[in-house]
Amino acid sequence: MMSYEEFTQKEAALENAPRAEREKFYVDILEKETGKTDVRMMAYFHASLLHYREGDFRAAREILEPFVIDYQSYAYRPEIIACFN
C-alpha cells in the first residue's frame, strides 16, 4: 500500500513523463489499492483528468463512475467536488 506522500512524490516525478507512462501509473494504483484510501481517490481523479484534458470525456467518465457511485465511503478531499463537475 502506498502512502499519500509517496503518491504525490511519484506523481510529481512523472509530471513531464509521456502520457502513457502517467496513465500506467494511475492504472497500476487502481489495480493494487483495494481500500478506500486517499491514494485510490486521487488516482481516480488524476487518471480521469488525463483523458478529460485531451477531450476524451467518455473515458474520463468511465474512470470516475465507480468512484462517484461510492464517494461517500471515502474521506473528504477537495478534489471530490471536481469529480462531480
N, C-alpha and C. Protein backbone atom coordinates (compact mmCIF):
# COMPACT_ATOMS: atom_id res chain seq x y z
N MET A 1 0.84 -1.18 0.00
CA MET A 1 0.00 0.00 0.00
C MET A 1 0.89 1.24 0.00
N MET A 2 0.55 2.18 -0.83
CA MET A 2 1.33 3.41 -0.99
C MET A 2 0.74 4.50 -0.09
N SER A 3 1.60 5.28 0.52
CA SER A 3 1.11 6.40 1.33
C SER A 3 0.78 7.58 0.41
N TYR A 4 0.00 8.50 0.92
CA TYR A 4 -0.38 9.67 0.14
C TYR A 4 0.86 10.49 -0.23
N GLU A 5 1.82 10.58 0.67
CA GLU A 5 3.04 11.33 0.41
C GLU A 5 3.85 10.67 -0.73
N GLU A 6 3.92 9.34 -0.71
CA GLU A 6 4.62 8.63 -1.79
C GLU A 6 3.93 8.86 -3.12
N PHE A 7 2.60 8.84 -3.10
CA PHE A 7 1.83 9.09 -4.31
C PHE A 7 2.13 10.46 -4.89
N THR A 8 2.10 11.48 -4.05
CA THR A 8 2.34 12.84 -4.55
C THR A 8 3.77 13.00 -5.06
N GLN A 9 4.73 12.35 -4.41
CA GLN A 9 6.11 12.42 -4.88
C GLN A 9 6.28 11.75 -6.23
N LYS A 10 5.71 10.56 -6.38
CA LYS A 10 5.82 9.84 -7.66
C LYS A 10 5.07 10.57 -8.76
N GLU A 11 3.93 11.13 -8.41
CA GLU A 11 3.16 11.88 -9.40
C GLU A 11 3.94 13.11 -9.86
N ALA A 12 4.58 13.81 -8.94
CA ALA A 12 5.38 14.98 -9.29
C ALA A 12 6.56 14.58 -10.18
N ALA A 13 7.16 13.43 -9.90
CA ALA A 13 8.28 12.95 -10.71
C ALA A 13 7.83 12.61 -12.13
N LEU A 14 6.56 12.25 -12.30
CA LEU A 14 6.03 11.89 -13.61
C LEU A 14 5.38 13.06 -14.34
N GLU A 15 5.46 14.23 -13.78
CA GLU A 15 4.77 15.39 -14.34
C GLU A 15 5.09 15.62 -15.82
N ASN A 16 6.33 15.45 -16.20
CA ASN A 16 6.73 15.68 -17.59
C ASN A 16 6.94 14.39 -18.37
N ALA A 17 6.53 13.28 -17.79
CA ALA A 17 6.67 11.98 -18.46
C ALA A 17 5.63 11.86 -19.57
N PRO A 18 5.85 10.95 -20.51
CA PRO A 18 4.86 10.73 -21.56
C PRO A 18 3.52 10.33 -20.96
N ARG A 19 2.47 10.67 -21.67
CA ARG A 19 1.11 10.41 -21.19
C ARG A 19 0.91 8.93 -20.85
N ALA A 20 1.40 8.04 -21.69
CA ALA A 20 1.22 6.60 -21.47
C ALA A 20 1.84 6.16 -20.14
N GLU A 21 2.97 6.73 -19.80
CA GLU A 21 3.64 6.39 -18.54
C GLU A 21 2.83 6.88 -17.35
N ARG A 22 2.29 8.09 -17.45
CA ARG A 22 1.46 8.61 -16.36
C ARG A 22 0.19 7.80 -16.21
N GLU A 23 -0.43 7.46 -17.34
CA GLU A 23 -1.67 6.67 -17.29
C GLU A 23 -1.41 5.30 -16.66
N LYS A 24 -0.29 4.67 -17.02
CA LYS A 24 0.05 3.37 -16.44
C LYS A 24 0.23 3.48 -14.93
N PHE A 25 0.82 4.56 -14.45
CA PHE A 25 0.99 4.79 -13.02
C PHE A 25 -0.36 4.76 -12.31
N TYR A 26 -1.34 5.48 -12.85
CA TYR A 26 -2.67 5.53 -12.22
C TYR A 26 -3.39 4.19 -12.31
N VAL A 27 -3.29 3.53 -13.45
CA VAL A 27 -3.94 2.23 -13.62
C VAL A 27 -3.36 1.22 -12.64
N ASP A 28 -2.05 1.22 -12.47
CA ASP A 28 -1.40 0.32 -11.52
C ASP A 28 -1.89 0.56 -10.11
N ILE A 29 -2.04 1.81 -9.74
CA ILE A 29 -2.52 2.13 -8.39
C ILE A 29 -3.95 1.63 -8.21
N LEU A 30 -4.80 1.87 -9.20
CA LEU A 30 -6.19 1.44 -9.09
C LEU A 30 -6.32 -0.08 -9.03
N GLU A 31 -5.38 -0.79 -9.61
CA GLU A 31 -5.39 -2.25 -9.54
C GLU A 31 -4.87 -2.75 -8.19
N LYS A 32 -3.88 -2.05 -7.62
CA LYS A 32 -3.24 -2.50 -6.39
C LYS A 32 -3.95 -2.01 -5.14
N GLU A 33 -4.42 -0.78 -5.15
CA GLU A 33 -5.07 -0.19 -3.98
C GLU A 33 -6.52 -0.65 -3.95
N THR A 34 -6.84 -1.52 -3.03
CA THR A 34 -8.21 -2.02 -2.95
C THR A 34 -9.02 -1.29 -1.89
N GLY A 35 -8.34 -0.67 -0.95
CA GLY A 35 -9.04 0.06 0.11
C GLY A 35 -9.51 1.42 -0.38
N LYS A 36 -10.38 2.01 0.37
CA LYS A 36 -10.92 3.32 0.02
C LYS A 36 -10.04 4.40 0.63
N THR A 37 -8.88 4.55 0.02
CA THR A 37 -7.84 5.43 0.54
C THR A 37 -7.79 6.73 -0.26
N ASP A 38 -7.09 7.71 0.30
CA ASP A 38 -6.85 8.96 -0.42
C ASP A 38 -6.08 8.69 -1.71
N VAL A 39 -5.16 7.75 -1.68
CA VAL A 39 -4.36 7.43 -2.86
C VAL A 39 -5.25 6.91 -3.97
N ARG A 40 -6.17 6.02 -3.66
CA ARG A 40 -7.08 5.48 -4.67
C ARG A 40 -7.96 6.59 -5.23
N MET A 41 -8.48 7.43 -4.37
CA MET A 41 -9.34 8.52 -4.82
C MET A 41 -8.58 9.47 -5.74
N MET A 42 -7.36 9.80 -5.39
CA MET A 42 -6.57 10.71 -6.21
C MET A 42 -6.16 10.05 -7.53
N ALA A 43 -5.95 8.75 -7.53
CA ALA A 43 -5.66 8.04 -8.78
C ALA A 43 -6.86 8.09 -9.71
N TYR A 44 -8.06 7.90 -9.17
CA TYR A 44 -9.28 8.07 -9.98
C TYR A 44 -9.31 9.47 -10.59
N PHE A 45 -9.12 10.45 -9.74
CA PHE A 45 -9.21 11.85 -10.17
C PHE A 45 -8.20 12.17 -11.27
N HIS A 46 -6.94 11.85 -11.04
CA HIS A 46 -5.89 12.22 -11.99
C HIS A 46 -5.93 11.39 -13.27
N ALA A 47 -6.31 10.14 -13.17
CA ALA A 47 -6.44 9.31 -14.38
C ALA A 47 -7.54 9.87 -15.27
N SER A 48 -8.65 10.25 -14.68
CA SER A 48 -9.74 10.81 -15.48
C SER A 48 -9.36 12.19 -16.02
N LEU A 49 -8.58 12.94 -15.26
CA LEU A 49 -8.14 14.26 -15.70
C LEU A 49 -7.26 14.18 -16.96
N LEU A 50 -6.45 13.12 -17.05
CA LEU A 50 -5.64 12.92 -18.26
C LEU A 50 -6.53 12.84 -19.50
N HIS A 51 -7.58 12.06 -19.40
CA HIS A 51 -8.49 11.90 -20.53
C HIS A 51 -9.30 13.17 -20.78
N TYR A 52 -9.74 13.79 -19.71
CA TYR A 52 -10.56 15.00 -19.83
C TYR A 52 -9.81 16.11 -20.56
N ARG A 53 -8.56 16.29 -20.22
CA ARG A 53 -7.75 17.36 -20.85
C ARG A 53 -7.51 17.11 -22.33
N GLU A 54 -7.61 15.86 -22.74
CA GLU A 54 -7.45 15.54 -24.16
C GLU A 54 -8.79 15.48 -24.89
N GLY A 55 -9.86 15.78 -24.19
CA GLY A 55 -11.18 15.81 -24.81
C GLY A 55 -11.89 14.47 -24.86
N ASP A 56 -11.33 13.46 -24.22
CA ASP A 56 -11.97 12.14 -24.20
C ASP A 56 -12.85 12.05 -22.95
N PHE A 57 -13.99 12.72 -23.02
CA PHE A 57 -14.87 12.84 -21.86
C PHE A 57 -15.50 11.50 -21.48
N ARG A 58 -15.74 10.65 -22.46
CA ARG A 58 -16.32 9.34 -22.18
C ARG A 58 -15.37 8.50 -21.33
N ALA A 59 -14.10 8.48 -21.69
CA ALA A 59 -13.11 7.71 -20.91
C ALA A 59 -12.98 8.28 -19.50
N ALA A 60 -13.00 9.60 -19.39
CA ALA A 60 -12.93 10.23 -18.07
C ALA A 60 -14.12 9.81 -17.22
N ARG A 61 -15.28 9.80 -17.82
CA ARG A 61 -16.50 9.41 -17.10
C ARG A 61 -16.44 7.95 -16.67
N GLU A 62 -15.96 7.08 -17.56
CA GLU A 62 -15.86 5.66 -17.23
C GLU A 62 -14.92 5.40 -16.06
N ILE A 63 -13.86 6.18 -15.98
CA ILE A 63 -12.92 6.04 -14.87
C ILE A 63 -13.54 6.52 -13.57
N LEU A 64 -14.26 7.62 -13.63
CA LEU A 64 -14.81 8.22 -12.41
C LEU A 64 -16.08 7.54 -11.90
N GLU A 65 -16.82 6.86 -12.75
CA GLU A 65 -18.10 6.30 -12.33
C GLU A 65 -18.02 5.44 -11.07
N PRO A 66 -17.09 4.48 -10.97
CA PRO A 66 -17.05 3.67 -9.74
C PRO A 66 -16.79 4.52 -8.50
N PHE A 67 -15.98 5.54 -8.65
CA PHE A 67 -15.71 6.41 -7.51
C PHE A 67 -16.93 7.24 -7.14
N VAL A 68 -17.54 7.87 -8.14
CA VAL A 68 -18.68 8.75 -7.89
C VAL A 68 -19.83 7.99 -7.24
N ILE A 69 -20.05 6.76 -7.67
CA ILE A 69 -21.13 5.95 -7.10
C ILE A 69 -20.88 5.70 -5.62
N ASP A 70 -19.64 5.60 -5.23
CA ASP A 70 -19.29 5.21 -3.86
C ASP A 70 -18.52 6.31 -3.10
N TYR A 71 -18.63 7.55 -3.54
CA TYR A 71 -17.79 8.62 -2.98
C TYR A 71 -17.98 8.82 -1.49
N GLN A 72 -19.14 8.52 -0.95
CA GLN A 72 -19.38 8.76 0.48
C GLN A 72 -18.55 7.85 1.37
N SER A 73 -18.02 6.79 0.80
CA SER A 73 -17.18 5.88 1.57
C SER A 73 -15.74 6.37 1.69
N TYR A 74 -15.41 7.44 0.99
CA TYR A 74 -14.05 7.98 1.00
C TYR A 74 -13.97 9.20 1.92
N ALA A 75 -12.80 9.43 2.44
CA ALA A 75 -12.57 10.63 3.24
C ALA A 75 -12.68 11.85 2.33
N TYR A 76 -13.16 12.95 2.87
CA TYR A 76 -13.36 14.14 2.06
C TYR A 76 -12.01 14.74 1.64
N ARG A 77 -11.92 15.09 0.38
CA ARG A 77 -10.82 15.87 -0.18
C ARG A 77 -11.45 16.84 -1.16
N PRO A 78 -10.91 18.02 -1.34
CA PRO A 78 -11.50 19.00 -2.26
C PRO A 78 -11.66 18.47 -3.69
N GLU A 79 -10.82 17.54 -4.11
CA GLU A 79 -10.90 17.01 -5.46
C GLU A 79 -12.20 16.26 -5.71
N ILE A 80 -12.85 15.81 -4.65
CA ILE A 80 -14.13 15.11 -4.81
C ILE A 80 -15.13 15.99 -5.54
N ILE A 81 -15.18 17.26 -5.19
CA ILE A 81 -16.12 18.18 -5.83
C ILE A 81 -15.84 18.26 -7.32
N ALA A 82 -14.57 18.30 -7.70
CA ALA A 82 -14.22 18.38 -9.12
C ALA A 82 -14.67 17.11 -9.85
N CYS A 83 -14.69 15.99 -9.20
CA CYS A 83 -15.11 14.75 -9.84
C CYS A 83 -16.57 14.82 -10.28
N PHE A 84 -17.37 15.61 -9.60
CA PHE A 84 -18.79 15.72 -9.95
C PHE A 84 -19.03 16.78 -11.02
N ASN A 85 -18.08 17.64 -11.23
CA ASN A 85 -18.23 18.69 -12.25
C ASN A 85 -17.79 18.17 -13.53
